């Protein structure tokens, strides 16, 4: 399998290239980037990968799939171009600026019979996989409330628009996970954080999603939080699961590591980073599952060999985008947004 990449910024360089280059049975063909600095980084880090000026050149070199990891404002146009060229596409997240744009890409791919998937890599985070296992075993009983939060103190991130703001960028992960776990949503309430009155992009958010299953999802993110909440707090009739901190694969990738260099160490969480199961006075550690972002690309390989589904369905990303649109509407209007038909996907919708 031959894979090409469009964009070699933070996403392409750290969250895609190390996985593509580590994938057994795959060739990392090259990257579309005109930046001299990024071309030099590519040559240093992946000397066998070629730099290209255009997507057409990359496709002409022979690829089975292209991964588009450019800033959000121009990403959908590149995805549409790849679809027109008839090559399978992986779009980075967030998928689109709004639901209309997302739907246009989904329909174009379906009409041309071009595989289109979205890089929701946090479906393969250690903490998320551990929570899935707990839910499948019914260890928590009936879940009442799902609290999911990613909060950091990073003032340099304020106002950055490459992902369309914190709600659109980080929120796409949290909404996708909530829909996967608890199914379609019937109403949305949200608040956005702007530290400066003239800010175009938010730097924090809170969302409350009401699922058709009855579960409430409280989702939040911030780049200006000195005392972050737990990553997950999941409250059920038989107990509560909590876990602190973020899955370690991001830190490994940013440190220049990869599944190829780390082997079994990639995605493994130290004992002290495991979560807790609590019920009343009882409290015990819950061993964390091993995180595996590589599973996304392994599933993509299998799917393109006509042996399985795509790792993430494009219509899942469309549903997530519709929820994010409703959240922005709620924050702007200061009211709960009722959805005429439940929006979502996942376990409860299968």
C-alpha atoms as a PDB file:
ATOM      1  CA  UNK A   1       0.000   0.000   0.000  1.00  0.00           C
ATOM      2  CA  UNK A   2       1.374   3.410  -1.026  1.00  0.00           C
ATOM      3  CA  UNK A   3       0.345   6.417   1.061  1.00  0.00           C
ATOM      4  CA  UNK A   4       0.970  10.117   0.441  1.00  0.00           C
ATOM      5  CA  UNK A   5       0.528  13.084   2.751  1.00  0.00           C
ATOM      6  CA  UNK A   6      -0.588  16.657   2.059  1.00  0.00           C
ATOM      7  CA  UNK A   7       0.814  19.061   4.650  1.00  0.00           C
ATOM      8  CA  UNK A   8       3.792  18.748   6.985  1.00  0.00           C
ATOM      9  CA  UNK A   9       2.835  21.041   9.851  1.00  0.00           C
ATOM     10  CA  UNK A  10       2.304  19.752  13.384  1.00  0.00           C
ATOM     11  CA  UNK A  11      -0.431  17.316  12.365  1.00  0.00           C
ATOM     12  CA  UNK A  12       1.236  15.858   9.304  1.00  0.00           C
ATOM     13  CA  UNK A  13       4.705  15.761  10.824  1.00  0.00           C
ATOM     14  CA  UNK A  14       3.883  14.285  14.245  1.00  0.00           C
ATOM     15  CA  UNK A  15       0.475  12.586  14.043  1.00  0.00           C
ATOM     16  CA  UNK A  16       0.556  11.037  10.565  1.00  0.00           C
ATOM     17  CA  UNK A  17       4.068  10.625   9.151  1.00  0.00           C
ATOM     18  CA  UNK A  18       5.410   8.536  12.096  1.00  0.00           C
ATOM     19  CA  UNK A  19       2.461   6.137  11.814  1.00  0.00           C
ATOM     20  CA  UNK A  20       2.539   5.862   8.021  1.00  0.00           C
ATOM     21  CA  UNK A  21       6.284   5.200   8.069  1.00  0.00           C
ATOM     22  CA  UNK A  22       5.806   2.550  10.802  1.00  0.00           C
ATOM     23  CA  UNK A  23       3.008   0.698   9.022  1.00  0.00           C
ATOM     24  CA  UNK A  24       4.004  -2.816   7.920  1.00  0.00           C
ATOM     25  CA  UNK A  25       3.348  -3.466   4.256  1.00  0.00           C
ATOM     26  CA  UNK A  26       3.105   0.241   3.419  1.00  0.00           C
ATOM     27  CA  UNK A  27       5.301   2.775   1.654  1.00  0.00           C
ATOM     28  CA  UNK A  28       5.374   6.417   2.718  1.00  0.00           C
ATOM     29  CA  UNK A  29       5.589   7.901  -0.781  1.00  0.00           C
ATOM     30  CA  UNK A  30       5.972  11.567   0.087  1.00  0.00           C
ATOM     31  CA  UNK A  31       4.486  14.902   1.109  1.00  0.00           C
ATOM     32  CA  UNK A  32       2.951  17.836  -0.726  1.00  0.00           C
ATOM     33  CA  UNK A  33       4.577  20.945   0.757  1.00  0.00           C
ATOM     34  CA  UNK A  34       6.211  23.978  -0.825  1.00  0.00           C
ATOM     35  CA  UNK A  35       7.840  25.190   2.411  1.00  0.00           C
ATOM     36  CA  UNK A  36      11.633  24.964   2.220  1.00  0.00           C
ATOM     37  CA  UNK A  37      11.807  24.495   5.990  1.00  0.00           C
ATOM     38  CA  UNK A  38       9.334  21.627   5.987  1.00  0.00           C
ATOM     39  CA  UNK A  39      10.959  20.008   2.992  1.00  0.00           C
ATOM     40  CA  UNK A  40      14.219  19.987   4.935  1.00  0.00           C
ATOM     41  CA  UNK A  41      12.478  18.490   7.981  1.00  0.00           C
ATOM     42  CA  UNK A  42      10.999  15.786   5.748  1.00  0.00           C
ATOM     43  CA  UNK A  43      14.407  15.006   4.241  1.00  0.00           C
ATOM     44  CA  UNK A  44      15.948  14.725   7.712  1.00  0.00           C
ATOM     45  CA  UNK A  45      13.173  12.630   9.262  1.00  0.00           C
ATOM     46  CA  UNK A  46      11.997  10.504   6.319  1.00  0.00           C
ATOM     47  CA  UNK A  47      14.810  10.522   3.738  1.00  0.00           C
ATOM     48  CA  UNK A  48      13.059   7.995   1.487  1.00  0.00           C
ATOM     49  CA  UNK A  49       9.920  10.155   1.171  1.00  0.00           C
ATOM     50  CA  UNK A  50       9.756  12.642  -1.706  1.00  0.00           C
ATOM     51  CA  UNK A  51       8.548  16.255  -1.552  1.00  0.00           C
ATOM     52  CA  UNK A  52       5.932  17.314  -4.124  1.00  0.00           C
ATOM     53  CA  UNK A  53       4.640  20.719  -5.225  1.00  0.00           C
ATOM     54  CA  UNK A  54       1.067  19.617  -5.955  1.00  0.00           C
ATOM     55  CA  UNK A  55      -1.453  16.925  -5.172  1.00  0.00           C
ATOM     56  CA  UNK A  56      -1.554  15.990  -8.869  1.00  0.00           C
ATOM     57  CA  UNK A  57       2.182  15.241  -8.765  1.00  0.00           C
ATOM     58  CA  UNK A  58       1.766  13.068  -5.684  1.00  0.00           C
ATOM     59  CA  UNK A  59      -1.088  11.097  -7.249  1.00  0.00           C
ATOM     60  CA  UNK A  60       0.864  10.701 -10.487  1.00  0.00           C
ATOM     61  CA  UNK A  61       3.707   9.131  -8.479  1.00  0.00           C
ATOM     62  CA  UNK A  62       1.302   6.341  -7.581  1.00  0.00           C
ATOM     63  CA  UNK A  63      -0.606   6.255  -4.295  1.00  0.00           C
ATOM     64  CA  UNK A  64      -3.458   4.155  -2.934  1.00  0.00           C
ATOM     65  CA  UNK A  65      -4.486   6.854  -0.441  1.00  0.00           C
ATOM     66  CA  UNK A  66      -3.730  10.474   0.406  1.00  0.00           C
ATOM     67  CA  UNK A  67      -3.873  11.959   3.890  1.00  0.00           C
ATOM     68  CA  UNK A  68      -4.879  15.631   4.014  1.00  0.00           C
ATOM     69  CA  UNK A  69      -3.454  17.432   7.052  1.00  0.00           C
ATOM     70  CA  UNK A  70      -3.591  21.113   6.170  1.00  0.00           C
ATOM     71  CA  UNK A  71      -5.241  23.993   8.096  1.00  0.00           C
ATOM     72  CA  UNK A  72      -9.022  23.672   8.258  1.00  0.00           C
ATOM     73  CA  UNK A  73      -9.900  26.679   6.122  1.00  0.00           C
ATOM     74  CA  UNK A  74      -8.346  25.109   3.006  1.00  0.00           C
ATOM     75  CA  UNK A  75      -8.612  21.404   3.846  1.00  0.00           C
ATOM     76  CA  UNK A  76     -12.055  20.596   2.348  1.00  0.00           C
ATOM     77  CA  UNK A  77     -10.960  21.959  -1.043  1.00  0.00           C
ATOM     78  CA  UNK A  78      -7.977  19.588  -1.052  1.00  0.00           C
ATOM     79  CA  UNK A  79     -10.214  16.685  -0.004  1.00  0.00           C
ATOM     80  CA  UNK A  80     -12.586  17.472  -2.887  1.00  0.00           C
ATOM     81  CA  UNK A  81      -9.647  17.650  -5.291  1.00  0.00           C
ATOM     82  CA  UNK A  82      -8.465  14.199  -4.159  1.00  0.00           C
ATOM     83  CA  UNK A  83     -11.982  12.826  -4.615  1.00  0.00           C
ATOM     84  CA  UNK A  84     -12.062  14.242  -8.158  1.00  0.00           C
ATOM     85  CA  UNK A  85      -8.756  12.493  -8.827  1.00  0.00           C
ATOM     86  CA  UNK A  86     -10.340   9.232  -7.684  1.00  0.00           C
ATOM     87  CA  UNK A  87      -7.904   8.408  -4.882  1.00  0.00           C
ATOM     88  CA  UNK A  88      -8.915   7.237  -1.391  1.00  0.00           C
ATOM     89  CA  UNK A  89      -8.801  10.097   1.106  1.00  0.00           C
ATOM     90  CA  UNK A  90      -8.053  10.453   4.812  1.00  0.00           C
ATOM     91  CA  UNK A  91      -9.150  13.880   6.056  1.00  0.00           C
ATOM     92  CA  UNK A  92      -7.678  15.177   9.273  1.00  0.00           C
ATOM     93  CA  UNK A  93     -10.111  16.467  11.852  1.00  0.00           C
ATOM     94  CA  UNK A  94     -12.042  18.686  12.220  1.00  0.00           C
ATOM     95  CA  UNK A  95     -13.728  17.450   9.062  1.00  0.00           C
ATOM     96  CA  UNK A  96     -15.303  20.735   7.980  1.00  0.00           C
ATOM     97  CA  UNK A  97     -16.166  24.306   8.913  1.00  0.00           C
ATOM     98  CA  UNK A  98     -19.868  23.414   9.024  1.00  0.00           C
ATOM     99  CA  UNK A  99     -22.314  20.629   8.214  1.00  0.00           C
ATOM    100  CA  UNK A 100     -23.062  21.883   4.692  1.00  0.00           C
ATOM    101  CA  UNK A 101     -19.388  21.652   3.783  1.00  0.00           C
ATOM    102  CA  UNK A 102     -19.120  18.204   5.410  1.00  0.00           C
ATOM    103  CA  UNK A 103     -22.167  16.910   3.557  1.00  0.00           C
ATOM    104  CA  UNK A 104     -20.801  18.134   0.214  1.00  0.00           C
ATOM    105  CA  UNK A 105     -17.621  16.070   0.715  1.00  0.00           C
ATOM    106  CA  UNK A 106     -19.541  12.979   1.836  1.00  0.00           C
ATOM    107  CA  UNK A 107     -21.894  13.127  -1.151  1.00  0.00           C
ATOM    108  CA  UNK A 108     -19.050  13.731  -3.615  1.00  0.00           C
ATOM    109  CA  UNK A 109     -17.191  10.666  -2.315  1.00  0.00           C
ATOM    110  CA  UNK A 110     -20.315   8.507  -2.386  1.00  0.00           C
ATOM    111  CA  UNK A 111     -21.266   9.605  -5.913  1.00  0.00           C
ATOM    112  CA  UNK A 112     -17.785   8.835  -7.229  1.00  0.00           C
ATOM    113  CA  UNK A 113     -17.379   5.675  -5.137  1.00  0.00           C
ATOM    114  CA  UNK A 114     -14.169   7.032  -3.574  1.00  0.00           C
ATOM    115  CA  UNK A 115     -13.287   5.822  -0.047  1.00  0.00           C
ATOM    116  CA  UNK A 116     -13.348   8.767   2.381  1.00  0.00           C
ATOM    117  CA  UNK A 117     -12.491   8.518   6.065  1.00  0.00           C
ATOM    118  CA  UNK A 118     -11.634  10.941   8.876  1.00  0.00           C
ATOM    119  CA  UNK A 119      -8.698  10.701  11.286  1.00  0.00           C
ATOM    120  CA  UNK A 120     -10.527  10.322  14.600  1.00  0.00           C
ATOM    121  CA  UNK A 121      -7.438   8.776  16.162  1.00  0.00           C
ATOM    122  CA  UNK A 122      -8.680   9.242  19.727  1.00  0.00           C
ATOM    123  CA  UNK A 123     -10.999   6.279  19.260  1.00  0.00           C
ATOM    124  CA  UNK A 124      -7.749   4.390  19.899  1.00  0.00           C
ATOM    125  CA  UNK A 125      -6.622   6.281  23.024  1.00  0.00           C
ATOM    126  CA  UNK A 126      -5.734   4.135  26.016  1.00  0.00           C
ATOM    127  CA  UNK A 127      -8.334   5.733  28.320  1.00  0.00           C
ATOM    128  CA  UNK A 128     -11.115   5.486  25.734  1.00  0.00           C
ATOM    129  CA  UNK A 129     -10.373   1.814  25.013  1.00  0.00           C
ATOM    130  CA  UNK A 130     -10.370   1.128  28.770  1.00  0.00           C
ATOM    131  CA  UNK A 131     -13.739   2.838  29.154  1.00  0.00           C
ATOM    132  CA  UNK A 132     -15.161   0.854  26.231  1.00  0.00           C
ATOM    133  CA  UNK A 133     -14.089  -2.352  27.984  1.00  0.00           C
ATOM    134  CA  UNK A 134     -15.753  -1.268  31.241  1.00  0.00           C
ATOM    135  CA  UNK A 135     -18.991  -0.417  29.436  1.00  0.00           C
ATOM    136  CA  UNK A 136     -19.019  -3.687  27.515  1.00  0.00           C
ATOM    137  CA  UNK A 137     -18.642  -5.615  30.796  1.00  0.00           C
ATOM    138  CA  UNK A 138     -21.414  -3.511  32.436  1.00  0.00           C
ATOM    139  CA  UNK A 139     -19.037  -2.842  35.353  1.00  0.00           C
ATOM    140  CA  UNK A 140     -20.494   0.658  35.865  1.00  0.00           C
ATOM    141  CA  UNK A 141     -24.125  -0.438  35.597  1.00  0.00           C
ATOM    142  CA  UNK A 142     -26.374   2.025  33.785  1.00  0.00           C
ATOM    143  CA  UNK A 143     -24.396   5.138  32.886  1.00  0.00           C
ATOM    144  CA  UNK A 144     -26.021   8.373  34.022  1.00  0.00           C
ATOM    145  CA  UNK A 145     -23.425  10.992  33.145  1.00  0.00           C
ATOM    146  CA  UNK A 146     -20.334  10.981  30.934  1.00  0.00           C
ATOM    147  CA  UNK A 147     -17.833  13.761  31.698  1.00  0.00           C
ATOM    148  CA  UNK A 148     -15.012  14.163  29.187  1.00  0.00           C
ATOM    149  CA  UNK A 149     -12.499  16.980  29.346  1.00  0.00           C
ATOM    150  CA  UNK A 150      -9.187  18.052  27.838  1.00  0.00           C
ATOM    151  CA  UNK A 151      -7.871  21.136  29.616  1.00  0.00           C
ATOM    152  CA  UNK A 152      -4.375  22.604  29.493  1.00  0.00           C
ATOM    153  CA  UNK A 153      -2.551  25.830  30.275  1.00  0.00           C
ATOM    154  CA  UNK A 154      -1.122  26.943  26.935  1.00  0.00           C
ATOM    155  CA  UNK A 155      -1.508  30.729  26.437  1.00  0.00           C
ATOM    156  CA  UNK A 156       0.324  30.482  23.104  1.00  0.00           C
ATOM    157  CA  UNK A 157      -2.702  28.594  21.748  1.00  0.00           C
ATOM    158  CA  UNK A 158      -5.123  31.482  22.322  1.00  0.00           C
ATOM    159  CA  UNK A 159      -6.584  32.760  19.061  1.00  0.00           C
ATOM    160  CA  UNK A 160      -4.992  30.099  16.851  1.00  0.00           C
ATOM    161  CA  UNK A 161      -7.325  29.311  13.999  1.00  0.00           C
ATOM    162  CA  UNK A 162      -5.746  26.388  12.143  1.00  0.00           C
ATOM    163  CA  UNK A 163      -8.404  24.061  13.563  1.00  0.00           C
ATOM    164  CA  UNK A 164     -11.274  26.561  13.556  1.00  0.00           C
ATOM    165  CA  UNK A 165     -11.203  27.268  17.293  1.00  0.00           C
ATOM    166  CA  UNK A 166     -11.177  24.957  20.306  1.00  0.00           C
ATOM    167  CA  UNK A 167     -14.822  23.912  19.982  1.00  0.00           C
ATOM    168  CA  UNK A 168     -14.422  22.868  16.355  1.00  0.00           C
ATOM    169  CA  UNK A 169     -10.946  21.332  16.737  1.00  0.00           C
ATOM    170  CA  UNK A 170     -10.802  19.586  20.116  1.00  0.00           C
ATOM    171  CA  UNK A 171     -14.576  19.304  20.338  1.00  0.00           C
ATOM    172  CA  UNK A 172     -14.634  17.067  17.258  1.00  0.00           C
ATOM    173  CA  UNK A 173     -12.776  14.389  19.257  1.00  0.00           C
ATOM    174  CA  UNK A 174     -14.930  14.655  22.354  1.00  0.00           C
ATOM    175  CA  UNK A 175     -18.225  14.652  20.444  1.00  0.00           C
ATOM    176  CA  UNK A 176     -17.135  11.713  18.299  1.00  0.00           C
ATOM    177  CA  UNK A 177     -16.269   9.685  21.402  1.00  0.00           C
ATOM    178  CA  UNK A 178     -19.559  10.561  23.097  1.00  0.00           C
ATOM    179  CA  UNK A 179     -21.565   9.538  20.025  1.00  0.00           C
ATOM    180  CA  UNK A 180     -19.618   6.300  19.715  1.00  0.00           C
ATOM    181  CA  UNK A 181     -20.260   5.410  23.346  1.00  0.00           C
ATOM    182  CA  UNK A 182     -23.815   6.595  23.930  1.00  0.00           C
ATOM    183  CA  UNK A 183     -25.448   7.094  20.548  1.00  0.00           C
ATOM    184  CA  UNK A 184     -27.514   9.858  18.925  1.00  0.00           C
ATOM    185  CA  UNK A 185     -28.141  13.244  20.534  1.00  0.00           C
ATOM    186  CA  UNK A 186     -31.504  15.000  20.840  1.00  0.00           C
ATOM    187  CA  UNK A 187     -30.491  18.383  22.290  1.00  0.00           C
ATOM    188  CA  UNK A 188     -27.380  20.500  22.753  1.00  0.00           C
ATOM    189  CA  UNK A 189     -26.384  23.280  25.141  1.00  0.00           C
ATOM    190  CA  UNK A 190     -22.998  25.028  24.919  1.00  0.00           C
ATOM    191  CA  UNK A 191     -20.903  27.906  26.218  1.00  0.00           C
ATOM    192  CA  UNK A 192     -17.778  29.332  24.548  1.00  0.00           C
ATOM    193  CA  UNK A 193     -14.818  31.108  26.157  1.00  0.00           C
ATOM    194  CA  UNK A 194     -13.355  34.206  24.525  1.00  0.00           C
ATOM    195  CA  UNK A 195     -10.788  36.009  26.698  1.00  0.00           C
ATOM    196  CA  UNK A 196     -10.691  39.050  24.408  1.00  0.00           C
ATOM    197  CA  UNK A 197     -13.810  40.704  22.939  1.00  0.00           C
ATOM    198  CA  UNK A 198     -12.409  40.845  19.402  1.00  0.00           C
ATOM    199  CA  UNK A 199     -11.299  37.185  19.320  1.00  0.00           C
ATOM    200  CA  UNK A 200     -12.350  35.280  16.198  1.00  0.00           C
ATOM    201  CA  UNK A 201     -11.628  31.806  17.580  1.00  0.00           C
ATOM    202  CA  UNK A 202     -12.705  30.465  20.967  1.00  0.00           C
ATOM    203  CA  UNK A 203     -10.119  29.094  23.402  1.00  0.00           C
ATOM    204  CA  UNK A 204     -12.464  26.997  25.505  1.00  0.00           C
ATOM    205  CA  UNK A 205     -15.916  25.446  25.592  1.00  0.00           C
ATOM    206  CA  UNK A 206     -18.472  23.514  27.598  1.00  0.00           C
ATOM    207  CA  UNK A 207     -21.146  21.320  26.007  1.00  0.00           C
ATOM    208  CA  UNK A 208     -24.017  19.327  27.440  1.00  0.00           C
ATOM    209  CA  UNK A 209     -25.364  16.691  25.058  1.00  0.00           C
ATOM    210  CA  UNK A 210     -28.579  14.836  25.842  1.00  0.00           C
ATOM    211  CA  UNK A 211     -28.491  11.407  24.224  1.00  0.00           C
ATOM    212  CA  UNK A 212     -31.594   9.548  23.096  1.00  0.00           C
ATOM    213  CA  UNK A 213     -30.358   6.746  25.378  1.00  0.00           C
ATOM    214  CA  UNK A 214     -30.845   9.047  28.400  1.00  0.00           C
ATOM    215  CA  UNK A 215     -27.143   9.622  29.109  1.00  0.00           C
ATOM    216  CA  UNK A 216     -25.921  13.189  29.622  1.00  0.00           C
ATOM    217  CA  UNK A 217     -22.489  14.011  28.171  1.00  0.00           C
ATOM    218  CA  UNK A 218     -20.658  16.974  29.703  1.00  0.00           C
ATOM    219  CA  UNK A 219     -17.775  17.844  27.368  1.00  0.00           C
ATOM    220  CA  UNK A 220     -15.243  20.607  27.956  1.00  0.00           C
ATOM    221  CA  UNK A 221     -11.914  21.866  26.694  1.00  0.00           C
ATOM    222  CA  UNK A 222      -9.606  24.796  27.357  1.00  0.00           C
ATOM    223  CA  UNK A 223      -6.098  26.047  26.658  1.00  0.00           C
ATOM    224  CA  UNK A 224      -6.150  28.407  29.667  1.00  0.00           C
ATOM    225  CA  UNK A 225      -6.922  26.086  32.562  1.00  0.00           C
ATOM    226  CA  UNK A 226      -4.405  25.852  35.406  1.00  0.00           C
ATOM    227  CA  UNK A 227      -6.246  23.087  37.271  1.00  0.00           C
ATOM    228  CA  UNK A 228      -7.601  20.593  34.723  1.00  0.00           C
ATOM    229  CA  UNK A 229     -10.509  18.251  35.407  1.00  0.00           C
ATOM    230  CA  UNK A 230     -10.129  14.481  35.059  1.00  0.00           C
ATOM    231  CA  UNK A 231      -9.902  13.301  31.467  1.00  0.00           C
ATOM    232  CA  UNK A 232     -12.946  11.091  32.095  1.00  0.00           C
ATOM    233  CA  UNK A 233     -15.412  10.804  34.952  1.00  0.00           C
ATOM    234  CA  UNK A 234     -18.132   8.297  34.083  1.00  0.00           C
ATOM    235  CA  UNK A 235     -20.895   7.864  36.647  1.00  0.00           C
ATOM    236  CA  UNK A 236     -23.103   4.785  36.631  1.00  0.00           C
ATOM    237  CA  UNK A 237     -25.531   3.019  38.946  1.00  0.00           C
ATOM    238  CA  UNK A 238     -22.833   0.509  39.990  1.00  0.00           C
ATOM    239  CA  UNK A 239     -19.797   2.771  40.268  1.00  0.00           C
ATOM    240  CA  UNK A 240     -17.686   5.526  38.766  1.00  0.00           C
ATOM    241  CA  UNK A 241     -14.593   5.446  36.548  1.00  0.00           C
ATOM    242  CA  UNK A 242     -12.117   8.332  36.602  1.00  0.00           C
ATOM    243  CA  UNK A 243      -8.784   8.818  34.890  1.00  0.00           C
ATOM    244  CA  UNK A 244      -6.415  11.791  34.933  1.00  0.00           C
ATOM    245  CA  UNK A 245      -4.245  13.189  32.177  1.00  0.00           C
ATOM    246  CA  UNK A 246      -4.137  12.635  28.441  1.00  0.00           C
ATOM    247  CA  UNK A 247      -3.285   9.449  26.585  1.00  0.00           C
ATOM    248  CA  UNK A 248       0.494   9.211  26.228  1.00  0.00           C
ATOM    249  CA  UNK A 249       0.676   8.667  22.460  1.00  0.00           C
ATOM    250  CA  UNK A 250       0.578  12.405  21.781  1.00  0.00           C
ATOM    251  CA  UNK A 251       3.583  13.048  24.025  1.00  0.00           C
ATOM    252  CA  UNK A 252       5.447  10.152  22.434  1.00  0.00           C
ATOM    253  CA  UNK A 253       4.777  11.478  18.928  1.00  0.00           C
ATOM    254  CA  UNK A 254       5.789  15.041  19.803  1.00  0.00           C
ATOM    255  CA  UNK A 255       9.028  13.668  21.285  1.00  0.00           C
ATOM    256  CA  UNK A 256       9.883  12.235  17.871  1.00  0.00           C
ATOM    257  CA  UNK A 257       9.033   8.637  18.734  1.00  0.00           C
ATOM    258  CA  UNK A 258       6.941   6.225  16.665  1.00  0.00           C
ATOM    259  CA  UNK A 259       5.493   2.711  16.845  1.00  0.00           C
ATOM    260  CA  UNK A 260       8.527   1.574  14.850  1.00  0.00           C
ATOM    261  CA  UNK A 261      11.024   2.961  17.378  1.00  0.00           C
ATOM    262  CA  UNK A 262       9.069   2.027  20.524  1.00  0.00           C
ATOM    263  CA  UNK A 263       7.557  -1.358  19.707  1.00  0.00           C
ATOM    264  CA  UNK A 264       5.500  -2.638  22.661  1.00  0.00           C
ATOM    265  CA  UNK A 265       6.226   0.554  24.622  1.00  0.00           C
ATOM    266  CA  UNK A 266       4.135   2.611  22.190  1.00  0.00           C
ATOM    267  CA  UNK A 267       0.743   3.398  23.751  1.00  0.00           C
ATOM    268  CA  UNK A 268       1.441   1.591  27.048  1.00  0.00           C
ATOM    269  CA  UNK A 269       0.526   3.548  30.172  1.00  0.00           C
ATOM    270  CA  UNK A 270       2.511   3.379  33.407  1.00  0.00           C
ATOM    271  CA  UNK A 271       0.723   1.944  36.452  1.00  0.00           C
ATOM    272  CA  UNK A 272       0.617   5.356  38.138  1.00  0.00           C
ATOM    273  CA  UNK A 273      -1.375   6.729  35.171  1.00  0.00           C
ATOM    274  CA  UNK A 274      -4.108   4.102  35.387  1.00  0.00           C
ATOM    275  CA  UNK A 275      -7.634   5.184  36.293  1.00  0.00           C
ATOM    276  CA  UNK A 276      -9.833   4.308  39.272  1.00  0.00           C
ATOM    277  CA  UNK A 277     -13.095   2.448  39.812  1.00  0.00           C
ATOM    278  CA  UNK A 278     -14.960   3.748  42.865  1.00  0.00           C
ATOM    279  CA  UNK A 279     -18.185   2.830  44.614  1.00  0.00           C
ATOM    280  CA  UNK A 280     -18.801   4.230  48.074  1.00  0.00           C
ATOM    281  CA  UNK A 281     -15.717   3.528  50.172  1.00  0.00           C
ATOM    282  CA  UNK A 282     -14.361   0.984  47.671  1.00  0.00           C
ATOM    283  CA  UNK A 283     -11.596   2.186  45.371  1.00  0.00           C
ATOM    284  CA  UNK A 284      -9.386   0.165  43.051  1.00  0.00           C
ATOM    285  CA  UNK A 285      -7.079   0.702  40.114  1.00  0.00           C
ATOM    286  CA  UNK A 286      -8.284  -0.145  36.610  1.00  0.00           C
ATOM    287  CA  UNK A 287      -5.503  -1.403  34.343  1.00  0.00           C
ATOM    288  CA  UNK A 288      -5.329   0.729  31.199  1.00  0.00           C
ATOM    289  CA  UNK A 289      -5.649  -0.835  27.787  1.00  0.00           C
ATOM    290  CA  UNK A 290      -2.760  -0.153  25.441  1.00  0.00           C
ATOM    291  CA  UNK A 291      -3.413   2.815  23.152  1.00  0.00           C
ATOM    292  CA  UNK A 292      -3.000   2.152  19.437  1.00  0.00           C
ATOM    293  CA  UNK A 293      -3.361   4.999  16.941  1.00  0.00           C
ATOM    294  CA  UNK A 294      -1.739   2.669  14.423  1.00  0.00           C
ATOM    295  CA  UNK A 295      -5.015   0.688  14.370  1.00  0.00           C
ATOM    296  CA  UNK A 296      -6.547   3.475  12.275  1.00  0.00           C
ATOM    297  CA  UNK A 297      -4.070   2.904   9.460  1.00  0.00           C
ATOM    298  CA  UNK A 298      -4.197  -0.875   9.841  1.00  0.00           C
ATOM    299  CA  UNK A 299      -7.986  -0.703   9.382  1.00  0.00           C
ATOM    300  CA  UNK A 300      -7.517   1.565   6.377  1.00  0.00           C
ATOM    301  CA  UNK A 301      -5.179  -0.997   4.807  1.00  0.00           C
ATOM    302  CA  UNK A 302      -7.736  -3.758   5.345  1.00  0.00           C
ATOM    303  CA  UNK A 303     -10.607  -1.655   4.000  1.00  0.00           C
ATOM    304  CA  UNK A 304      -8.792  -0.719   0.800  1.00  0.00           C
ATOM    305  CA  UNK A 305      -8.096  -4.403   0.203  1.00  0.00           C
ATOM    306  CA  UNK A 306     -11.898  -4.909   0.215  1.00  0.00           C
ATOM    307  CA  UNK A 307     -11.742  -6.872   3.440  1.00  0.00           C
ATOM    308  CA  UNK A 308     -13.498  -4.612   5.948  1.00  0.00           C
ATOM    309  CA  UNK A 309     -15.081  -1.243   6.727  1.00  0.00           C
ATOM    310  CA  UNK A 310     -13.195   2.041   6.782  1.00  0.00           C
ATOM    311  CA  UNK A 311     -11.787   2.889  10.240  1.00  0.00           C
ATOM    312  CA  UNK A 312     -14.145   5.886  10.577  1.00  0.00           C
ATOM    313  CA  UNK A 313     -17.230   6.361   8.434  1.00  0.00           C
ATOM    314  CA  UNK A 314     -17.420   9.780   6.772  1.00  0.00           C
ATOM    315  CA  UNK A 315     -21.053  10.067   7.863  1.00  0.00           C
ATOM    316  CA  UNK A 316     -19.884   9.731  11.470  1.00  0.00           C
ATOM    317  CA  UNK A 317     -17.835  12.895  10.933  1.00  0.00           C
ATOM    318  CA  UNK A 318     -20.877  14.563   9.347  1.00  0.00           C
ATOM    319  CA  UNK A 319     -22.940  13.762  12.458  1.00  0.00           C
ATOM    320  CA  UNK A 320     -20.197  15.189  14.680  1.00  0.00           C
ATOM    321  CA  UNK A 321     -20.101  18.364  12.577  1.00  0.00           C
ATOM    322  CA  UNK A 322     -23.871  18.781  12.944  1.00  0.00           C
ATOM    323  CA  UNK A 323     -23.524  18.556  16.733  1.00  0.00           C
ATOM    324  CA  UNK A 324     -20.730  21.148  16.690  1.00  0.00           C
ATOM    325  CA  UNK A 325     -22.896  23.459  14.560  1.00  0.00           C
ATOM    326  CA  UNK A 326     -25.709  23.103  17.110  1.00  0.00           C
ATOM    327  CA  UNK A 327     -23.254  23.852  19.927  1.00  0.00           C
ATOM    328  CA  UNK A 328     -22.123  27.075  18.301  1.00  0.00           C
ATOM    329  CA  UNK A 329     -25.739  28.059  17.685  1.00  0.00           C
ATOM    330  CA  UNK A 330     -26.538  27.368  21.341  1.00  0.00           C
ATOM    331  CA  UNK A 331     -23.616  29.478  22.570  1.00  0.00           C
ATOM    332  CA  UNK A 332     -24.443  32.369  20.255  1.00  0.00           C
ATOM    333  CA  UNK A 333     -28.160  32.388  21.081  1.00  0.00           C
ATOM    334  CA  UNK A 334     -27.850  31.455  24.758  1.00  0.00           C
ATOM    335  CA  UNK A 335     -30.381  28.636  24.539  1.00  0.00           C
ATOM    336  CA  UNK A 336     -30.749  24.886  24.281  1.00  0.00           C
ATOM    337  CA  UNK A 337     -30.898  23.661  20.672  1.00  0.00           C
ATOM    338  CA  UNK A 338     -33.448  20.894  20.119  1.00  0.00           C
ATOM    339  CA  UNK A 339     -32.649  18.544  17.233  1.00  0.00           C
ATOM    340  CA  UNK A 340     -35.706  17.613  15.147  1.00  0.00           C
ATOM    341  CA  UNK A 341     -34.318  14.095  14.651  1.00  0.00           C
ATOM    342  CA  UNK A 342     -31.601  12.489  16.805  1.00  0.00           C
ATOM    343  CA  UNK A 343     -28.105  13.073  15.385  1.00  0.00           C
ATOM    344  CA  UNK A 344     -25.341  10.557  15.891  1.00  0.00           C
ATOM    345  CA  UNK A 345     -23.820   7.155  15.439  1.00  0.00           C
ATOM    346  CA  UNK A 346     -22.064   4.478  17.462  1.00  0.00           C
ATOM    347  CA  UNK A 347     -22.875   1.553  19.717  1.00  0.00           C
ATOM    348  CA  UNK A 348     -26.356   2.704  20.718  1.00  0.00           C
ATOM    349  CA  UNK A 349     -27.307   3.378  17.106  1.00  0.00           C
ATOM    350  CA  UNK A 350     -26.284   0.015  15.660  1.00  0.00           C
END
